[in-house]
Amino acid sequence: MGDWDYRRTRCTHAGSLQFIQNCKPRPLWPGECESYSESARMAFDPKLLRESFSFYEDGDRFAAEIARLSNEIVSSRHATGPMAGLPIPYEKELYGGTPWKWLKEGAKLDPYDHKHGIDSNGQIRLIGNSQNDQWQCIVSNEGSYIEIIAEEIMRFVLDRESHLLEHHRLSASRGLSSYYQWDGNNLHTVVTTAWNHRPKKIAGEPWGEVEVYARIRQSYRHDGEGLKQITEEYLNEDGTVNSEIGEEIKYTRLPKGVTSASLGLSIQNMLCEQIPPLVKEAAVAGQRYYCMLLCYCNEDPAAGWPPFLLLGNATMLESNAFPSAERAYYLWAPDELRELPGNVEIAFTDENLLESCRLQLQVINGIDPIKRVLKKVVVALQAISWEDHISITDNFVISAVDNTSEIDQATDIKKYAPLQFRNLRRLNLI
């Protein structure tokens, strides 16, 4: 089912689901209100999906069930993702992206598209990758819940109104359980417990000891216009809020008239205004710098927006600073440079900038809007006489780079600083 990311799983069509009635709520945690729903107070049970996982581990049984269900499939459809029903509530508000959708017959298929085997009742029973003929997931309707059985087992419990009440997930090395509290049709609270256990390397191996690594509560606030805000808190073992981490705003409804474009322009202006004084203040007197890197994160835009700044100390250019074979890499690798003495890392702390970046992340799809802002900021910074602010080398480079190196640094510098790139190439520095 892809990389582990509970935020991106989908709940399934309710059909004729019955409200699950054999739930035994745990006692209230300190600070919880008496109105907290029963489904949100279910006892923590990491063993819940182990029987289903054992079924998947038995390769012969799993293959036999796929073969049996294949005989019941009367049609198939392709989609951009597994379309076994409704999305997790407010998934787009929390994590952005484009909702999965059915593809038209004959459409060109992407390697990440999914095919669905549908039975005579119109229910999805099997799911696989569109690029091959093999089914990889079994969709099982047990009456009181829906279960998707594959390398990672997922179970979804809904009420009579098709509200998601529970979401459970288990793999060979970890698991999670989420419980949902509703106020009518408005989602109120989600409590999630996530854990690790010793990985099962062979089928039938005993389960390892469970180690809970996160207890998370998300709160959803609504007004007359709909969802207004989502906040997230980490909880201690007794259910009280972990004050060391604090509350994080995950979503805020945009004010009227505010768009991704207007946010991008505002962020661009704030970065151009704030960077020169920040750099001047952070630079160490008597030290020279060969680069200023604006470090974004290609694989996780939220982790690098706003970017952090990195001033590369000119001592890095000395021939003995790095092994010759690795020099051209290390000179422009943010995560490595930030750990070396003499280089200066600068983080943005302005609340207006941080909030604008967070809001923009809500409304963009992918990294491209961020890169467009960075390109304009880099061009503006390159027009500044930096020798009036800090001590720099003759070939001082200003560029945006991916701090994880998923995008090769040379590719980024060639894009953002083409003139400097040619000089660096001539000097074998990139």
Protein backbone atom coordinates (compact mmCIF):
# COMPACT_ATOMS: atom_id res chain seq x y z
CA MET A 1 0.00 0.00 0.00
CA GLY A 2 2.97 2.33 -0.31
CA ASP A 3 5.05 4.20 2.26
CA TRP A 4 3.79 4.36 5.82
CA ASP A 5 1.66 7.50 6.13
CA TYR A 6 -1.58 7.13 8.09
CA ARG A 7 -2.63 10.64 7.02
CA ARG A 8 -3.02 9.52 3.42
CA THR A 9 -5.11 6.37 3.91
CA ARG A 10 -8.71 6.31 2.80
CA CYS A 11 -11.82 5.05 4.58
CA THR A 12 -14.20 2.84 2.65
CA HIS A 13 -17.82 3.04 1.52
CA ALA A 14 -20.19 2.49 4.42
CA GLY A 15 -22.72 0.41 2.45
CA SER A 16 -24.97 -1.31 4.96
CA LEU A 17 -22.57 -0.98 7.88
CA GLN A 18 -24.07 -1.42 11.30
CA PHE A 19 -22.89 0.70 14.23
CA ILE A 20 -20.36 -1.38 16.08
CA GLN A 21 -21.86 -2.08 19.53
CA ASN A 22 -19.32 -4.20 21.33
CA CYS A 23 -16.91 -1.32 22.08
CA LYS A 24 -15.75 -1.04 25.68
CA PRO A 25 -14.66 2.55 26.46
CA ARG A 26 -11.73 3.13 28.73
CA PRO A 27 -12.04 5.47 31.74
CA LEU A 28 -11.79 9.19 31.08
CA TRP A 29 -8.29 10.61 31.02
CA PRO A 30 -7.63 13.54 33.33
CA GLY A 31 -8.94 16.72 31.76
CA GLU A 32 -11.29 14.99 29.31
CA CYS A 33 -14.89 16.14 29.27
CA GLU A 34 -17.70 13.74 30.16
CA SER A 35 -19.19 14.18 26.69
CA TYR A 36 -16.19 12.53 25.07
CA SER A 37 -17.60 9.87 22.74
CA GLU A 38 -17.33 6.18 23.54
CA SER A 39 -15.54 5.41 20.29
CA ALA A 40 -12.89 8.00 21.19
CA ARG A 41 -12.35 6.33 24.58
CA MET A 42 -11.75 2.82 23.27
CA ALA A 43 -9.09 0.87 25.12
CA PHE A 44 -5.69 0.86 23.41
CA ASP A 45 -5.42 -2.57 21.77
CA PRO A 46 -2.29 -3.11 19.64
CA LYS A 47 -3.32 -6.75 19.08
CA LEU A 48 -6.49 -5.79 17.22
CA LEU A 49 -5.33 -6.51 13.65
CA ARG A 50 -2.84 -9.28 14.33
CA GLU A 51 -5.21 -12.01 13.17
CA SER A 52 -5.69 -10.25 9.83
CA PHE A 53 -1.93 -9.75 9.51
CA SER A 54 -1.38 -13.45 10.15
CA PHE A 55 -3.79 -14.15 7.30
CA TYR A 56 -1.70 -11.94 5.00
CA GLU A 57 1.54 -13.57 6.21
CA ASP A 58 0.22 -16.98 5.13
CA GLY A 59 1.07 -16.50 1.48
CA ASP A 60 -0.85 -19.58 0.31
CA ARG A 61 -4.07 -18.56 2.11
CA PHE A 62 -3.75 -14.99 0.88
CA ALA A 63 -3.15 -16.07 -2.72
CA ALA A 64 -6.04 -18.53 -2.55
CA GLU A 65 -8.41 -15.79 -1.34
CA ILE A 66 -7.29 -13.47 -4.13
CA ALA A 67 -7.89 -16.28 -6.63
CA ARG A 68 -11.38 -16.90 -5.19
CA LEU A 69 -12.30 -13.22 -5.29
CA SER A 70 -10.90 -12.87 -8.81
CA ASN A 71 -13.65 -15.22 -9.99
CA GLU A 72 -16.24 -12.82 -8.55
CA ILE A 73 -14.88 -9.74 -10.33
CA VAL A 74 -17.16 -8.63 -13.18
CA SER A 75 -15.47 -5.33 -14.07
CA SER A 76 -12.41 -3.21 -13.31
CA ARG A 77 -11.70 0.51 -13.15
CA HIS A 78 -8.55 2.56 -12.86
CA ALA A 79 -8.03 5.56 -10.58
CA THR A 80 -5.24 7.83 -9.38
CA GLY A 81 -5.32 6.09 -5.99
CA PRO A 82 -7.18 3.38 -4.06
CA MET A 83 -10.85 4.39 -4.36
CA ALA A 84 -12.30 2.14 -1.70
CA GLY A 85 -14.57 4.92 -0.45
CA LEU A 86 -14.52 8.30 1.27
CA PRO A 87 -11.38 10.22 2.30
CA ILE A 88 -10.25 10.74 5.86
CA PRO A 89 -12.24 13.77 7.11
CA TYR A 90 -10.59 17.10 6.20
CA GLU A 91 -7.63 15.33 4.64
CA LYS A 92 -7.09 18.08 2.07
CA GLU A 93 -7.20 20.82 4.72
CA LEU A 94 -4.60 18.98 6.77
CA TYR A 95 -2.24 17.66 4.15
CA GLY A 96 -3.06 19.33 0.83
CA GLY A 97 -2.61 17.45 -2.39
CA THR A 98 -5.12 16.50 -5.05
CA PRO A 99 -7.96 14.10 -4.18
CA TRP A 100 -7.83 10.75 -5.93
CA LYS A 101 -10.24 10.34 -8.81
CA TRP A 102 -11.52 7.73 -11.24
CA LEU A 103 -9.90 7.73 -14.67
CA LYS A 104 -11.76 7.62 -17.93
CA GLU A 105 -11.66 4.37 -19.86
CA GLY A 106 -8.62 4.32 -22.13
CA ALA A 107 -6.79 7.06 -20.22
CA LYS A 108 -3.00 6.93 -20.14
CA LEU A 109 -1.95 5.27 -16.91
CA ASP A 110 0.67 6.54 -14.48
CA PRO A 111 2.93 4.11 -12.52
CA TYR A 112 1.17 5.20 -9.31
CA ASP A 113 -2.37 4.62 -10.58
CA HIS A 114 -4.49 1.81 -9.13
CA LYS A 115 -6.86 -0.70 -10.65
CA HIS A 116 -9.96 -1.94 -8.82
CA GLY A 117 -11.76 -5.25 -9.15
CA ILE A 118 -15.52 -4.76 -8.73
CA ASP A 119 -18.05 -7.54 -8.04
CA SER A 120 -21.65 -7.92 -9.23
CA ASN A 121 -22.91 -5.82 -6.29
CA GLY A 122 -20.75 -2.88 -7.37
CA GLN A 123 -18.36 -3.29 -4.44
CA ILE A 124 -14.59 -3.00 -4.70
CA ARG A 125 -13.10 -6.36 -3.62
CA LEU A 126 -9.54 -6.23 -4.99
CA ILE A 127 -6.99 -3.45 -5.56
CA GLY A 128 -3.71 -3.56 -7.45
CA ASN A 129 -1.26 -1.43 -9.40
CA SER A 130 -2.38 -0.38 -12.86
CA GLN A 131 0.96 -1.40 -14.38
CA ASN A 132 0.62 -5.15 -13.85
CA ASP A 133 -1.96 -7.91 -13.73
CA GLN A 134 -1.53 -8.84 -10.06
CA TRP A 135 -3.97 -7.97 -7.29
CA GLN A 136 -2.24 -6.82 -4.10
CA CYS A 137 -5.03 -5.83 -1.67
CA ILE A 138 -8.20 -7.54 -0.52
CA VAL A 139 -11.14 -5.34 0.53
CA SER A 140 -13.17 -7.24 3.11
CA ASN A 141 -16.64 -6.16 4.28
CA GLU A 142 -17.29 -7.78 7.64
CA GLY A 143 -20.62 -6.06 8.26
CA SER A 144 -19.48 -4.02 11.25
CA TYR A 145 -16.29 -2.75 9.64
CA ILE A 146 -14.32 -2.62 6.40
CA GLU A 147 -10.83 -4.05 6.24
CA ILE A 148 -8.15 -3.66 3.57
CA ILE A 149 -5.73 -6.57 3.77
CA ALA A 150 -2.26 -6.27 2.26
CA GLU A 151 1.28 -5.68 3.48
CA GLU A 152 -0.26 -3.16 5.90
CA ILE A 153 -3.65 -4.00 7.35
CA MET A 154 -6.22 -1.20 7.60
CA ARG A 155 -9.62 -1.29 9.31
CA PHE A 156 -12.30 1.42 9.22
CA VAL A 157 -15.41 1.55 11.41
CA LEU A 158 -18.29 3.88 10.49
CA ASP A 159 -21.65 4.71 12.07
CA ARG A 160 -25.09 4.65 10.45
CA GLU A 161 -24.52 8.13 9.00
CA SER A 162 -21.21 7.02 7.42
CA HIS A 163 -19.14 9.04 9.90
CA LEU A 164 -15.72 7.51 10.42
CA LEU A 165 -15.45 6.37 14.05
CA GLU A 166 -12.23 4.37 14.09
CA HIS A 167 -9.19 3.91 11.88
CA HIS A 168 -6.69 1.17 12.71
CA ARG A 169 -3.51 0.22 10.89
CA LEU A 170 -0.85 -2.43 11.42
CA SER A 171 2.33 -3.49 9.65
CA ALA A 172 5.17 -5.82 10.55
CA SER A 173 6.92 -3.08 12.51
CA ARG A 174 4.34 -0.50 13.65
CA GLY A 175 0.71 0.39 14.10
CA LEU A 176 -1.76 3.11 14.97
CA SER A 177 -5.32 3.58 16.15
CA SER A 178 -7.40 6.74 15.65
CA TYR A 179 -10.78 7.47 17.25
CA TYR A 180 -13.15 10.15 15.97
CA GLN A 181 -15.66 12.22 17.95
CA TRP A 182 -18.47 13.97 16.04
CA ASP A 183 -20.86 16.75 16.99
CA GLY A 184 -23.67 16.06 14.55
CA ASN A 185 -22.01 16.28 11.13
CA ASN A 186 -19.05 18.29 12.44
CA LEU A 187 -15.89 16.43 13.39
CA HIS A 188 -14.87 17.55 16.88
CA THR A 189 -11.81 15.56 17.99
CA VAL A 190 -9.48 12.83 16.74
CA VAL A 191 -7.21 10.96 19.16
CA THR A 192 -4.42 8.83 17.66
CA THR A 193 -2.00 6.42 19.32
CA ALA A 194 0.98 5.29 17.25
CA TRP A 195 3.50 2.63 18.20
CA ASN A 196 6.47 0.57 17.07
CA HIS A 197 7.24 -3.06 17.74
CA ARG A 198 10.16 -5.29 16.83
CA PRO A 199 9.86 -5.94 13.09
CA LYS A 200 8.58 -9.35 12.06
CA LYS A 201 11.17 -10.59 9.59
CA ILE A 202 9.66 -14.00 8.91
CA ALA A 203 6.08 -15.19 8.77
CA GLY A 204 4.80 -16.56 12.06
CA GLU A 205 7.49 -14.88 14.15
CA PRO A 206 6.14 -13.70 17.54
CA TRP A 207 5.15 -10.05 17.83
CA GLY A 208 7.65 -7.84 19.61
CA GLU A 209 7.05 -5.61 22.61
CA VAL A 210 4.95 -2.55 21.83
CA GLU A 211 6.53 0.90 22.30
CA VAL A 212 4.12 3.83 21.99
CA TYR A 213 5.90 6.80 20.41
CA ALA A 214 3.05 9.28 19.92
CA ARG A 215 -0.34 10.16 21.39
CA ILE A 216 -1.90 12.95 19.38
CA ARG A 217 -5.15 14.90 19.74
CA GLN A 218 -6.50 16.99 16.89
CA SER A 219 -9.27 19.49 17.65
CA TYR A 220 -11.61 20.84 14.97
CA ARG A 221 -13.30 24.22 15.43
CA HIS A 222 -16.31 25.23 13.34
CA ASP A 223 -18.39 28.37 12.93
CA GLY A 224 -21.33 29.39 10.76
CA GLU A 225 -19.14 29.29 7.64
CA GLY A 226 -17.79 25.78 8.25
CA LEU A 227 -14.42 24.52 9.46
CA LYS A 228 -12.42 27.39 10.94
CA GLN A 229 -9.31 25.83 12.45
CA ILE A 230 -7.58 22.54 13.25
CA THR A 231 -5.06 22.33 16.09
CA GLU A 232 -2.87 19.45 17.20
CA GLU A 233 -1.47 18.57 20.61
CA TYR A 234 0.76 15.74 21.81
CA LEU A 235 -0.49 13.95 24.91
CA ASN A 236 1.28 12.33 27.82
CA GLU A 237 0.56 8.75 28.80
CA ASP A 238 -2.15 9.87 31.24
CA GLY A 239 -3.90 11.92 28.55
CA THR A 240 -2.77 15.36 29.71
CA VAL A 241 -1.27 17.75 27.18
CA ASN A 242 2.50 17.59 26.67
CA SER A 243 3.39 21.19 27.52
CA GLU A 244 6.96 20.84 26.22
CA ILE A 245 5.72 20.48 22.63
CA GLY A 246 2.73 22.79 22.80
CA GLU A 247 -0.23 23.27 20.50
CA GLU A 248 0.36 23.48 16.75
CA ILE A 249 -2.08 25.05 14.29
CA LYS A 250 -2.53 22.61 11.40
CA TYR A 251 -5.14 24.53 9.43
CA THR A 252 -6.76 27.98 9.45
CA ARG A 253 -9.45 29.05 7.00
CA LEU A 254 -8.04 31.72 4.71
CA PRO A 255 -9.46 35.23 5.08
CA LYS A 256 -11.66 36.29 2.18
CA GLY A 257 -9.66 37.60 -0.76
CA VAL A 258 -6.44 35.84 0.27
CA THR A 259 -5.07 33.46 -2.38
CA SER A 260 -1.95 31.41 -2.98
CA ALA A 261 -0.69 34.14 -5.33
CA SER A 262 -1.22 36.95 -2.83
CA LEU A 263 0.42 34.90 -0.08
CA GLY A 264 3.37 34.15 -2.36
CA LEU A 265 3.88 37.84 -3.11
CA SER A 266 3.68 38.71 0.59
CA ILE A 267 6.20 35.99 1.48
CA GLN A 268 8.52 37.16 -1.29
CA ASN A 269 8.48 40.73 0.01
CA MET A 270 9.05 39.66 3.62
CA LEU A 271 11.99 37.43 2.69
CA CYS A 272 13.61 40.17 0.62
CA GLU A 273 13.15 42.63 3.49
CA GLN A 274 14.27 40.37 6.33
CA ILE A 275 17.23 38.50 4.86
CA PRO A 276 19.82 41.35 4.59
CA PRO A 277 19.62 42.46 8.24
CA LEU A 278 19.44 38.87 9.48
CA VAL A 279 22.56 37.92 7.52
CA LYS A 280 24.45 41.02 8.63
CA GLU A 281 23.64 40.30 12.27
CA ALA A 282 24.49 36.59 12.08
CA ALA A 283 27.77 36.82 10.15
CA VAL A 284 30.87 36.57 12.33
CA ALA A 285 33.26 39.51 12.17
CA GLY A 286 36.55 38.62 10.52
CA GLN A 287 35.09 35.64 8.66
CA ARG A 288 34.55 35.49 4.89
CA TYR A 289 31.73 33.60 3.20
CA TYR A 290 31.57 32.00 -0.23
CA CYS A 291 27.83 31.33 -0.42
CA MET A 292 24.40 32.07 0.96
CA LEU A 293 22.03 29.16 0.47
CA LEU A 294 18.24 29.37 0.84
CA CYS A 295 17.46 25.81 1.88
CA TYR A 296 14.07 24.34 1.01
CA CYS A 297 12.84 20.74 1.22
CA ASN A 298 11.71 19.19 -2.05
CA GLU A 299 10.32 15.97 -0.56
CA ASP A 300 8.43 17.72 2.26
CA PRO A 301 7.63 21.37 1.41
CA ALA A 302 6.30 22.12 4.90
CA ALA A 303 9.66 21.16 6.45
CA GLY A 304 11.45 23.91 4.54
CA TRP A 305 9.00 26.77 4.27
CA PRO A 306 10.14 29.33 5.06
CA PRO A 307 13.63 28.16 4.09
CA PHE A 308 16.53 28.32 6.47
CA LEU A 309 19.61 30.28 5.43
CA LEU A 310 23.15 28.97 5.42
CA LEU A 311 26.32 31.05 5.10
CA GLY A 312 29.24 28.92 3.88
CA ASN A 313 32.56 29.86 5.44
CA ALA A 314 35.37 30.48 2.93
CA THR A 315 37.60 28.03 4.81
CA MET A 316 35.48 25.31 3.18
CA LEU A 317 37.14 26.22 -0.13
CA GLU A 318 40.58 25.20 1.10
CA SER A 319 41.87 22.09 -0.63
CA ASN A 320 42.13 20.04 2.58
CA ALA A 321 38.64 20.85 3.86
CA PHE A 322 37.09 17.83 2.16
CA PRO A 323 38.37 14.76 0.30
CA SER A 324 38.96 15.87 -3.29
CA ALA A 325 36.48 13.37 -4.70
CA GLU A 326 33.69 14.68 -2.45
CA ARG A 327 34.54 18.37 -2.41
CA ALA A 328 32.10 19.47 -5.11
CA TYR A 329 29.29 17.79 -3.17
CA TYR A 330 30.04 18.99 0.37
CA LEU A 331 30.49 22.63 -0.63
CA TRP A 332 26.77 22.86 -1.46
CA ALA A 333 25.20 20.22 0.83
CA PRO A 334 23.23 22.10 3.52
CA ASP A 335 22.74 19.27 6.00
CA GLU A 336 26.48 18.54 5.97
CA LEU A 337 27.59 22.20 6.02
CA ARG A 338 25.36 23.11 8.94
CA GLU A 339 27.23 20.60 11.11
CA LEU A 340 30.70 22.00 10.31
CA PRO A 341 32.33 24.79 12.34
CA GLY A 342 32.48 28.24 10.79
CA ASN A 343 29.28 27.96 8.77
CA VAL A 344 26.28 29.96 9.95
CA GLU A 345 22.70 28.71 9.97
CA ILE A 346 19.90 31.29 10.20
CA ALA A 347 16.26 30.52 10.98
CA PHE A 348 13.34 32.89 10.43
CA THR A 349 11.33 33.77 13.53
CA ASP A 350 9.03 36.55 12.30
CA GLU A 351 5.47 35.46 13.16
CA ASN A 352 3.89 37.15 10.13
CA LEU A 353 6.27 35.31 7.79
CA LEU A 354 5.77 31.96 9.53
CA GLU A 355 1.99 32.30 9.46
CA SER A 356 1.95 33.34 5.79
CA CYS A 357 4.09 30.34 4.86
CA ARG A 358 1.83 28.00 6.81
CA LEU A 359 -1.26 29.40 5.12
CA GLN A 360 0.30 29.09 1.67
CA LEU A 361 1.12 25.44 2.33
CA GLN A 362 -2.60 24.85 2.87
CA VAL A 363 -3.58 26.01 -0.60
CA ILE A 364 -0.73 24.88 -2.85
CA ASN A 365 -0.29 21.49 -4.46
CA GLY A 366 3.36 20.50 -4.53
CA ILE A 367 6.60 22.43 -4.38
CA ASP A 368 6.39 24.50 -7.60
CA PRO A 369 4.72 27.62 -6.08
CA ILE A 370 7.45 27.70 -3.44
CA LYS A 371 10.19 27.45 -6.06
CA ARG A 372 8.66 30.34 -7.99
CA VAL A 373 8.86 32.53 -4.89
CA LEU A 374 12.42 31.41 -4.20
CA LYS A 375 13.49 32.24 -7.76
CA LYS A 376 12.23 35.82 -7.41
CA VAL A 377 13.82 36.20 -3.98
CA VAL A 378 17.20 34.89 -5.20
CA VAL A 379 17.16 37.30 -8.15
CA ALA A 380 16.45 40.21 -5.79
CA LEU A 381 19.19 39.15 -3.39
CA GLN A 382 21.72 38.79 -6.20
CA ALA A 383 21.21 42.50 -7.03
CA ILE A 384 22.40 43.54 -3.55
CA SER A 385 26.02 44.64 -2.94
CA TRP A 386 26.73 42.09 -0.24
CA GLU A 387 30.27 43.33 0.34
CA ASP A 388 28.59 46.27 2.10
CA HIS A 389 26.96 43.88 4.55
CA ILE A 390 29.41 40.99 5.15
CA SER A 391 32.85 39.85 4.05
CA ILE A 392 32.51 37.69 0.91
CA THR A 393 34.68 35.93 -1.67
CA ASP A 394 34.95 37.13 -5.26
CA ASN A 395 32.61 34.39 -6.50
CA PHE A 396 29.97 34.76 -3.77
CA VAL A 397 27.06 32.45 -4.68
CA ILE A 398 23.43 33.03 -3.76
CA SER A 399 21.12 30.15 -4.59
CA ALA A 400 18.21 28.08 -3.39
CA VAL A 401 19.08 24.41 -2.80
CA ASP A 402 17.23 21.32 -1.61
CA ASN A 403 18.55 20.60 1.86
CA THR A 404 17.93 16.83 1.50
CA SER A 405 19.86 16.68 -1.81
CA GLU A 406 16.93 14.91 -3.45
CA ILE A 407 17.47 17.57 -6.11
CA ASP A 408 21.15 17.62 -7.05
CA GLN A 409 22.82 20.81 -5.83
CA ALA A 410 24.37 21.44 -9.24
CA THR A 411 20.91 21.33 -10.80
CA ASP A 412 19.61 23.91 -8.33
CA ILE A 413 22.57 26.26 -8.64
CA LYS A 414 22.48 26.07 -12.44
CA LYS A 415 18.81 27.08 -12.25
CA TYR A 416 19.01 29.80 -9.61
CA ALA A 417 22.53 31.17 -10.24
CA PRO A 418 23.52 30.34 -13.85
CA LEU A 419 26.39 32.86 -14.08
CA GLN A 420 28.01 31.66 -10.88
CA PHE A 421 27.42 28.05 -11.94
CA ARG A 422 29.63 28.49 -15.01
CA ASN A 423 32.43 29.94 -12.89
CA LEU A 424 32.13 27.16 -10.34
CA ARG A 425 32.23 24.53 -13.07
CA ARG A 426 35.36 26.12 -14.54
CA LEU A 427 37.02 26.01 -11.10
CA ASN A 428 35.87 22.39 -10.47
CA LEU A 429 33.94 23.55 -7.41
CA ILE A 430 30.66 21.95 -8.47
